[in-house]
PDB file of N, CA and C in Angstrom:
ATOM      1  N   MET A   1      -3.635   6.348   1.867  1.00  0.00           N
ATOM      2  CA  MET A   1      -2.807   7.315   2.577  1.00  0.00           C
ATOM      3  C   MET A   1      -3.419   7.566   3.941  1.00  0.00           C
ATOM      4  N   LYS A   2      -2.599   7.493   4.964  1.00  0.00           N
ATOM      5  CA  LYS A   2      -3.063   7.744   6.319  1.00  0.00           C
ATOM      6  C   LYS A   2      -3.067   9.242   6.602  1.00  0.00           C
ATOM      7  N   GLN A   3      -3.965   9.656   7.489  1.00  0.00           N
ATOM      8  CA  GLN A   3      -4.070  11.062   7.872  1.00  0.00           C
ATOM      9  C   GLN A   3      -2.733  11.551   8.427  1.00  0.00           C
ATOM     10  N   GLY A   4      -2.262  12.679   7.938  1.00  0.00           N
ATOM     11  CA  GLY A   4      -1.039  13.272   8.439  1.00  0.00           C
ATOM     12  C   GLY A   4       0.230  12.840   7.737  1.00  0.00           C
ATOM     13  N   ASP A   5       0.135  11.877   6.816  1.00  0.00           N
ATOM     14  CA  ASP A   5       1.337  11.480   6.081  1.00  0.00           C
ATOM     15  C   ASP A   5       1.734  12.580   5.113  1.00  0.00           C
ATOM     16  N   THR A   6       3.035  12.854   5.049  1.00  0.00           N
ATOM     17  CA  THR A   6       3.515  13.913   4.164  1.00  0.00           C
ATOM     18  C   THR A   6       4.554  13.442   3.168  1.00  0.00           C
ATOM     19  N   TRP A   7       5.106  12.231   3.348  1.00  0.00           N
ATOM     20  CA  TRP A   7       6.146  11.704   2.461  1.00  0.00           C
ATOM     21  C   TRP A   7       5.720  10.374   1.870  1.00  0.00           C
ATOM     22  N   TYR A   8       6.222  10.067   0.686  1.00  0.00           N
ATOM     23  CA  TYR A   8       5.999   8.760   0.080  1.00  0.00           C
ATOM     24  C   TYR A   8       7.327   8.206  -0.417  1.00  0.00           C
ATOM     25  N   VAL A   9       7.404   6.882  -0.503  1.00  0.00           N
ATOM     26  CA  VAL A   9       8.511   6.197  -1.160  1.00  0.00           C
ATOM     27  C   VAL A   9       7.879   5.170  -2.099  1.00  0.00           C
ATOM     28  N   THR A  10       8.207   5.279  -3.371  1.00  0.00           N
ATOM     29  CA  THR A  10       7.777   4.307  -4.374  1.00  0.00           C
ATOM     30  C   THR A  10       8.962   3.399  -4.642  1.00  0.00           C
ATOM     31  N   PHE A  11       8.710   2.090  -4.672  1.00  0.00           N
ATOM     32  CA  PHE A  11       9.824   1.143  -4.751  1.00  0.00           C
ATOM     33  C   PHE A  11       9.435  -0.107  -5.516  1.00  0.00           C
ATOM     34  N   GLY A  12      10.445  -0.806  -5.959  1.00  0.00           N
ATOM     35  CA  GLY A  12      10.241  -2.074  -6.648  1.00  0.00           C
ATOM     36  C   GLY A  12      11.564  -2.654  -7.067  1.00  0.00           C
ATOM     37  N   PRO A  13      11.523  -3.877  -7.581  1.00  0.00           N
ATOM     38  CA  PRO A  13      12.762  -4.512  -8.028  1.00  0.00           C
ATOM     39  C   PRO A  13      13.400  -3.706  -9.151  1.00  0.00           C
ATOM     40  N   ASP A  14      14.709  -3.736  -9.205  1.00  0.00           N
ATOM     41  CA  ASP A  14      15.429  -3.084 -10.292  1.00  0.00           C
ATOM     42  C   ASP A  14      15.005  -3.746 -11.599  1.00  0.00           C
ATOM     43  N   LYS A  15      14.811  -2.961 -12.626  1.00  0.00           N
ATOM     44  CA  LYS A  15      14.355  -3.498 -13.908  1.00  0.00           C
ATOM     45  C   LYS A  15      15.335  -4.497 -14.515  1.00  0.00           C
ATOM     46  N   THR A  16      16.571  -4.489 -14.072  1.00  0.00           N
ATOM     47  CA  THR A  16      17.550  -5.446 -14.596  1.00  0.00           C
ATOM     48  C   THR A  16      17.497  -6.777 -13.850  1.00  0.00           C
ATOM     49  N   ASP A  17      16.659  -6.846 -12.796  1.00  0.00           N
ATOM     50  CA  ASP A  17      16.518  -8.074 -12.008  1.00  0.00           C
ATOM     51  C   ASP A  17      15.471  -8.967 -12.664  1.00  0.00           C
ATOM     52  N   ASN A  18      15.907  -9.936 -13.459  1.00  0.00           N
ATOM     53  CA  ASN A  18      14.991 -10.803 -14.198  1.00  0.00           C
ATOM     54  C   ASN A  18      14.175 -11.717 -13.302  1.00  0.00           C
ATOM     55  N   THR A  19      14.630 -11.983 -12.077  1.00  0.00           N
ATOM     56  CA  THR A  19      13.892 -12.870 -11.187  1.00  0.00           C
ATOM     57  C   THR A  19      12.660 -12.193 -10.617  1.00  0.00           C
ATOM     58  N   ALA A  20      12.562 -10.879 -10.706  1.00  0.00           N
ATOM     59  CA  ALA A  20      11.456 -10.142 -10.105  1.00  0.00           C
ATOM     60  C   ALA A  20      10.600  -9.431 -11.148  1.00  0.00           C
ATOM     61  N   GLU A  21      10.640  -9.904 -12.392  1.00  0.00           N
ATOM     62  CA  GLU A  21       9.957  -9.179 -13.458  1.00  0.00           C
ATOM     63  C   GLU A  21       8.450  -9.110 -13.270  1.00  0.00           C
ATOM     64  N   SER A  22       7.851 -10.034 -12.525  1.00  0.00           N
ATOM     65  CA  SER A  22       6.403 -10.000 -12.348  1.00  0.00           C
ATOM     66  C   SER A  22       5.973  -9.116 -11.179  1.00  0.00           C
ATOM     67  N   MET A  23       6.911  -8.616 -10.405  1.00  0.00           N
ATOM     68  CA  MET A  23       6.561  -7.788  -9.252  1.00  0.00           C
ATOM     69  C   MET A  23       6.354  -6.338  -9.678  1.00  0.00           C
ATOM     70  N   ALA A  24       5.245  -5.784  -9.238  1.00  0.00           N
ATOM     71  CA  ALA A  24       4.934  -4.395  -9.558  1.00  0.00           C
ATOM     72  C   ALA A  24       5.564  -3.463  -8.530  1.00  0.00           C
ATOM     73  N   ARG A  25       5.653  -2.203  -8.913  1.00  0.00           N
ATOM     74  CA  ARG A  25       6.133  -1.200  -7.973  1.00  0.00           C
ATOM     75  C   ARG A  25       5.046  -0.931  -6.944  1.00  0.00           C
ATOM     76  N   SER A  26       5.459  -0.534  -5.749  1.00  0.00           N
ATOM     77  CA  SER A  26       4.542  -0.221  -4.658  1.00  0.00           C
ATOM     78  C   SER A  26       4.900   1.130  -4.072  1.00  0.00           C
ATOM     79  N   THR A  27       3.990   1.679  -3.289  1.00  0.00           N
ATOM     80  CA  THR A  27       4.222   2.959  -2.627  1.00  0.00           C
ATOM     81  C   THR A  27       3.789   2.855  -1.175  1.00  0.00           C
ATOM     82  N   ARG A  28       4.611   3.400  -0.281  1.00  0.00           N
ATOM     83  CA  ARG A  28       4.263   3.539   1.138  1.00  0.00           C
ATOM     84  C   ARG A  28       4.341   4.997   1.510  1.00  0.00           C
ATOM     85  N   THR A  29       3.505   5.400   2.450  1.00  0.00           N
ATOM     86  CA  THR A  29       3.511   6.791   2.909  1.00  0.00           C
ATOM     87  C   THR A  29       3.996   6.854   4.354  1.00  0.00           C
ATOM     88  N   PHE A  30       4.528   8.035   4.713  1.00  0.00           N
ATOM     89  CA  PHE A  30       5.155   8.227   6.018  1.00  0.00           C
ATOM     90  C   PHE A  30       4.812   9.595   6.587  1.00  0.00           C
ATOM     91  N   LYS A  31       4.803   9.678   7.902  1.00  0.00           N
ATOM     92  CA  LYS A  31       4.527  10.949   8.577  1.00  0.00           C
ATOM     93  C   LYS A  31       5.727  11.896   8.550  1.00  0.00           C
ATOM     94  N   SER A  32       6.929  11.334   8.492  1.00  0.00           N
ATOM     95  CA  SER A  32       8.115  12.186   8.554  1.00  0.00           C
ATOM     96  C   SER A  32       9.117  11.823   7.467  1.00  0.00           C
ATOM     97  N   GLU A  33       9.963  12.779   7.150  1.00  0.00           N
ATOM     98  CA  GLU A  33      11.020  12.558   6.172  1.00  0.00           C
ATOM     99  C   GLU A  33      12.015  11.516   6.690  1.00  0.00           C
ATOM    100  N   ILE A  34      12.278  11.535   7.978  1.00  0.00           N
ATOM    101  CA  ILE A  34      13.230  10.581   8.557  1.00  0.00           C
ATOM    102  C   ILE A  34      12.731   9.146   8.370  1.00  0.00           C
ATOM    103  N   ASP A  35      11.433   8.914   8.634  1.00  0.00           N
ATOM    104  CA  ASP A  35      10.875   7.573   8.443  1.00  0.00           C
ATOM    105  C   ASP A  35      10.967   7.145   6.981  1.00  0.00           C
ATOM    106  N   ALA A  36      10.704   8.074   6.071  1.00  0.00           N
ATOM    107  CA  ALA A  36      10.800   7.772   4.638  1.00  0.00           C
ATOM    108  C   ALA A  36      12.236   7.435   4.257  1.00  0.00           C
ATOM    109  N   LYS A  37      13.195   8.160   4.800  1.00  0.00           N
ATOM    110  CA  LYS A  37      14.605   7.892   4.507  1.00  0.00           C
ATOM    111  C   LYS A  37      15.032   6.521   5.023  1.00  0.00           C
ATOM    112  N   LEU A  38      14.612   6.172   6.231  1.00  0.00           N
ATOM    113  CA  LEU A  38      14.967   4.868   6.798  1.00  0.00           C
ATOM    114  C   LEU A  38      14.400   3.735   5.946  1.00  0.00           C
ATOM    115  N   PHE A  39      13.161   3.885   5.511  1.00  0.00           N
ATOM    116  CA  PHE A  39      12.556   2.862   4.659  1.00  0.00           C
ATOM    117  C   PHE A  39      13.278   2.790   3.317  1.00  0.00           C
ATOM    118  N   ALA A  40      13.600   3.933   2.737  1.00  0.00           N
ATOM    119  CA  ALA A  40      14.298   3.957   1.448  1.00  0.00           C
ATOM    120  C   ALA A  40      15.645   3.241   1.553  1.00  0.00           C
ATOM    121  N   MET A  41      16.347   3.411   2.658  1.00  0.00           N
ATOM    122  CA  MET A  41      17.629   2.728   2.832  1.00  0.00           C
ATOM    123  C   MET A  41      17.440   1.213   2.869  1.00  0.00           C
ATOM    124  N   GLN A  42      16.356   0.737   3.477  1.00  0.00           N
ATOM    125  CA  GLN A  42      16.067  -0.699   3.502  1.00  0.00           C
ATOM    126  C   GLN A  42      15.817  -1.210   2.084  1.00  0.00           C
ATOM    127  N   ILE A  43      15.095  -0.444   1.303  1.00  0.00           N
ATOM    128  CA  ILE A  43      14.788  -0.829  -0.076  1.00  0.00           C
ATOM    129  C   ILE A  43      16.074  -0.864  -0.910  1.00  0.00           C
ATOM    130  N   LEU A  44      16.908   0.147  -0.761  1.00  0.00           N
ATOM    131  CA  LEU A  44      18.160   0.197  -1.512  1.00  0.00           C
ATOM    132  C   LEU A  44      19.085  -0.954  -1.113  1.00  0.00           C
ATOM    133  N   ALA A  45      19.058  -1.343   0.151  1.00  0.00           N
ATOM    134  CA  ALA A  45      19.891  -2.453   0.618  1.00  0.00           C
ATOM    135  C   ALA A  45      19.486  -3.769  -0.050  1.00  0.00           C
ATOM    136  N   LYS A  46      18.235  -3.884  -0.471  1.00  0.00           N
ATOM    137  CA  LYS A  46      17.763  -5.067  -1.198  1.00  0.00           C
ATOM    138  C   LYS A  46      18.222  -5.064  -2.654  1.00  0.00           C
ATOM    139  N   GLY A  47      18.770  -3.930  -3.092  1.00  0.00           N
ATOM    140  CA  GLY A  47      19.166  -3.815  -4.488  1.00  0.00           C
ATOM    141  C   GLY A  47      18.026  -3.348  -5.384  1.00  0.00           C
ATOM    142  N   TRP A  48      16.952  -2.884  -4.777  1.00  0.00           N
ATOM    143  CA  TRP A  48      15.804  -2.401  -5.533  1.00  0.00           C
ATOM    144  C   TRP A  48      15.960  -0.912  -5.828  1.00  0.00           C
ATOM    145  N   SER A  49      15.119  -0.397  -6.686  1.00  0.00           N
ATOM    146  CA  SER A  49      15.139   1.025  -6.996  1.00  0.00           C
ATOM    147  C   SER A  49      14.007   1.717  -6.242  1.00  0.00           C
ATOM    148  N   ALA A  50      14.162   3.010  -6.043  1.00  0.00           N
ATOM    149  CA  ALA A  50      13.156   3.771  -5.300  1.00  0.00           C
ATOM    150  C   ALA A  50      13.199   5.232  -5.723  1.00  0.00           C
ATOM    151  N   SER A  51      12.099   5.904  -5.451  1.00  0.00           N
ATOM    152  CA  SER A  51      12.025   7.357  -5.564  1.00  0.00           C
ATOM    153  C   SER A  51      11.148   7.820  -4.405  1.00  0.00           C
ATOM    154  N   ALA A  52      11.192   9.107  -4.105  1.00  0.00           N
ATOM    155  CA  ALA A  52      10.458   9.613  -2.946  1.00  0.00           C
ATOM    156  C   ALA A  52      10.009  11.044  -3.198  1.00  0.00           C
ATOM    157  N   GLY A  53       9.192  11.531  -2.291  1.00  0.00           N
ATOM    158  CA  GLY A  53       8.763  12.919  -2.400  1.00  0.00           C
ATOM    159  C   GLY A  53       7.694  13.242  -1.384  1.00  0.00           C
ATOM    160  N   THR A  54       7.229  14.476  -1.428  1.00  0.00           N
ATOM    161  CA  THR A  54       6.168  14.916  -0.541  1.00  0.00           C
ATOM    162  C   THR A  54       4.822  14.754  -1.225  1.00  0.00           C
ATOM    163  N   LEU A  55       3.818  14.512  -0.409  1.00  0.00           N
ATOM    164  CA  LEU A  55       2.453  14.358  -0.898  1.00  0.00           C
ATOM    165  C   LEU A  55       1.757  15.713  -0.947  1.00  0.00           C
ATOM    166  N   ASN A  56       0.870  15.891  -1.901  1.00  0.00           N
ATOM    167  CA  ASN A  56       0.052  17.111  -1.941  1.00  0.00           C
ATOM    168  C   ASN A  56      -0.875  17.101  -0.747  1.00  0.00           C
ATOM    169  N   PRO A  57      -1.160  18.200  -0.094  1.00  0.00           N
ATOM    170  CA  PRO A  57      -0.781  19.564  -0.462  1.00  0.00           C
ATOM    171  C   PRO A  57       0.458  20.062   0.267  1.00  0.00           C
ATOM    172  N   HIS A  58       1.310  19.162   0.768  1.00  0.00           N
ATOM    173  CA  HIS A  58       2.503  19.568   1.517  1.00  0.00           C
ATOM    174  C   HIS A  58       3.365  20.514   0.693  1.00  0.00           C
ATOM    175  N   GLN A  59       3.784  21.599   1.317  1.00  0.00           N
ATOM    176  CA  GLN A  59       4.643  22.585   0.669  1.00  0.00           C
ATOM    177  C   GLN A  59       5.880  22.790   1.525  1.00  0.00           C
ATOM    178  N   PRO A  60       7.042  22.974   0.981  1.00  0.00           N
ATOM    179  CA  PRO A  60       7.332  22.998  -0.444  1.00  0.00           C
ATOM    180  C   PRO A  60       7.354  21.579  -1.005  1.00  0.00           C
ATOM    181  N   LYS A  61       6.941  21.447  -2.240  1.00  0.00           N
ATOM    182  CA  LYS A  61       6.930  20.161  -2.927  1.00  0.00           C
ATOM    183  C   LYS A  61       8.371  19.697  -3.133  1.00  0.00           C
ATOM    184  N   GLN A  62       8.628  18.440  -2.787  1.00  0.00           N
ATOM    185  CA  GLN A  62       9.957  17.868  -2.985  1.00  0.00           C
ATOM    186  C   GLN A  62       9.818  16.538  -3.719  1.00  0.00           C
ATOM    187  N   VAL A  63      10.684  16.314  -4.682  1.00  0.00           N
ATOM    188  CA  VAL A  63      10.726  15.058  -5.430  1.00  0.00           C
ATOM    189  C   VAL A  63      12.171  14.577  -5.449  1.00  0.00           C
ATOM    190  N   VAL A  64      12.361  13.315  -5.080  1.00  0.00           N
ATOM    191  CA  VAL A  64      13.691  12.710  -5.067  1.00  0.00           C
ATOM    192  C   VAL A  64      13.665  11.555  -6.067  1.00  0.00           C
ATOM    193  N   GLY A  65      14.360  11.727  -7.171  1.00  0.00           N
ATOM    194  CA  GLY A  65      14.390  10.709  -8.218  1.00  0.00           C
ATOM    195  C   GLY A  65      15.317   9.562  -7.880  1.00  0.00           C
ATOM    196  N   PRO A  66      15.226   8.489  -8.651  1.00  0.00           N
ATOM    197  CA  PRO A  66      16.073   7.311  -8.396  1.00  0.00           C
ATOM    198  C   PRO A  66      17.571   7.612  -8.401  1.00  0.00           C
ATOM    199  N   SER A  67      18.001   8.567  -9.199  1.00  0.00           N
ATOM    200  CA  SER A  67      19.431   8.873  -9.259  1.00  0.00           C
ATOM    201  C   SER A  67      19.910   9.668  -8.043  1.00  0.00           C
ATOM    202  N   GLN A  68      18.985  10.222  -7.259  1.00  0.00           N
ATOM    203  CA  GLN A  68      19.344  11.035  -6.097  1.00  0.00           C
ATOM    204  C   GLN A  68      18.986  10.386  -4.775  1.00  0.00           C
ATOM    205  N   ILE A  69      18.250   9.269  -4.826  1.00  0.00           N
ATOM    206  CA  ILE A  69      17.675   8.735  -3.585  1.00  0.00           C
ATOM    207  C   ILE A  69      18.723   8.254  -2.583  1.00  0.00           C
ATOM    208  N   GLU A  70      19.802   7.659  -3.067  1.00  0.00           N
ATOM    209  CA  GLU A  70      20.813   7.169  -2.130  1.00  0.00           C
ATOM    210  C   GLU A  70      21.448   8.320  -1.359  1.00  0.00           C
ATOM    211  N   GLN A  71      21.774   9.394  -2.029  1.00  0.00           N
ATOM    212  CA  GLN A  71      22.362  10.547  -1.350  1.00  0.00           C
ATOM    213  C   GLN A  71      21.355  11.186  -0.393  1.00  0.00           C
ATOM    214  N   TRP A  72      20.100  11.267  -0.792  1.00  0.00           N
ATOM    215  CA  TRP A  72      19.051  11.853   0.052  1.00  0.00           C
ATOM    216  C   TRP A  72      18.848  11.023   1.319  1.00  0.00           C
ATOM    217  N   ALA A  73      18.815   9.695   1.187  1.00  0.00           N
ATOM    218  CA  ALA A  73      18.467   8.826   2.299  1.00  0.00           C
ATOM    219  C   ALA A  73      19.613   8.548   3.260  1.00  0.00           C
ATOM    220  N   ASP A  74      20.842   8.587   2.793  1.00  0.00           N
ATOM    221  CA  ASP A  74      21.993   8.199   3.602  1.00  0.00           C
ATOM    222  C   ASP A  74      22.615   9.403   4.282  1.00  0.00           C
ATOM    223  N   PRO A  75      22.519   9.496   5.629  1.00  0.00           N
ATOM    224  CA  PRO A  75      23.104  10.639   6.336  1.00  0.00           C
ATOM    225  C   PRO A  75      24.597  10.779   6.101  1.00  0.00           C
ATOM    226  N   GLY A  76      25.291   9.683   5.861  1.00  0.00           N
ATOM    227  CA  GLY A  76      26.724   9.721   5.619  1.00  0.00           C
ATOM    228  C   GLY A  76      27.074  10.354   4.275  1.00  0.00           C
ATOM    229  N   LEU A  77      26.093  10.422   3.384  1.00  0.00           N
ATOM    230  CA  LEU A  77      26.316  11.024   2.070  1.00  0.00           C
ATOM    231  C   LEU A  77      25.719  12.432   1.987  1.00  0.00           C
ATOM    232  N   GLY A  78      25.291  12.951   3.123  1.00  0.00           N
ATOM    233  CA  GLY A  78      24.760  14.317   3.137  1.00  0.00           C
ATOM    234  C   GLY A  78      23.251  14.394   3.134  1.00  0.00           C
ATOM    235  N   GLY A  79      22.561  13.270   3.288  1.00  0.00           N
ATOM    236  CA  GLY A  79      21.099  13.244   3.259  1.00  0.00           C
ATOM    237  C   GLY A  79      20.470  13.674   4.546  1.00  0.00           C
TER     238      GLY A  79
END
């Protein structure tokens, strides 16, 4: 984690993607929510799954699960 990062995005191939079964999930950290959202949209465009949230000790704590990530990341959907 780099100094000053407050957001993370955890990502990986969708579990139903048999061609990527050996690939593990990864996590990247970001200084801003906007940067995290832009990265999450790139991951979703690949057809992969993702989740996001704030890193400790950032307050208020926010967690965005896989079922909410598309709405959170896409400004057109209210994100």
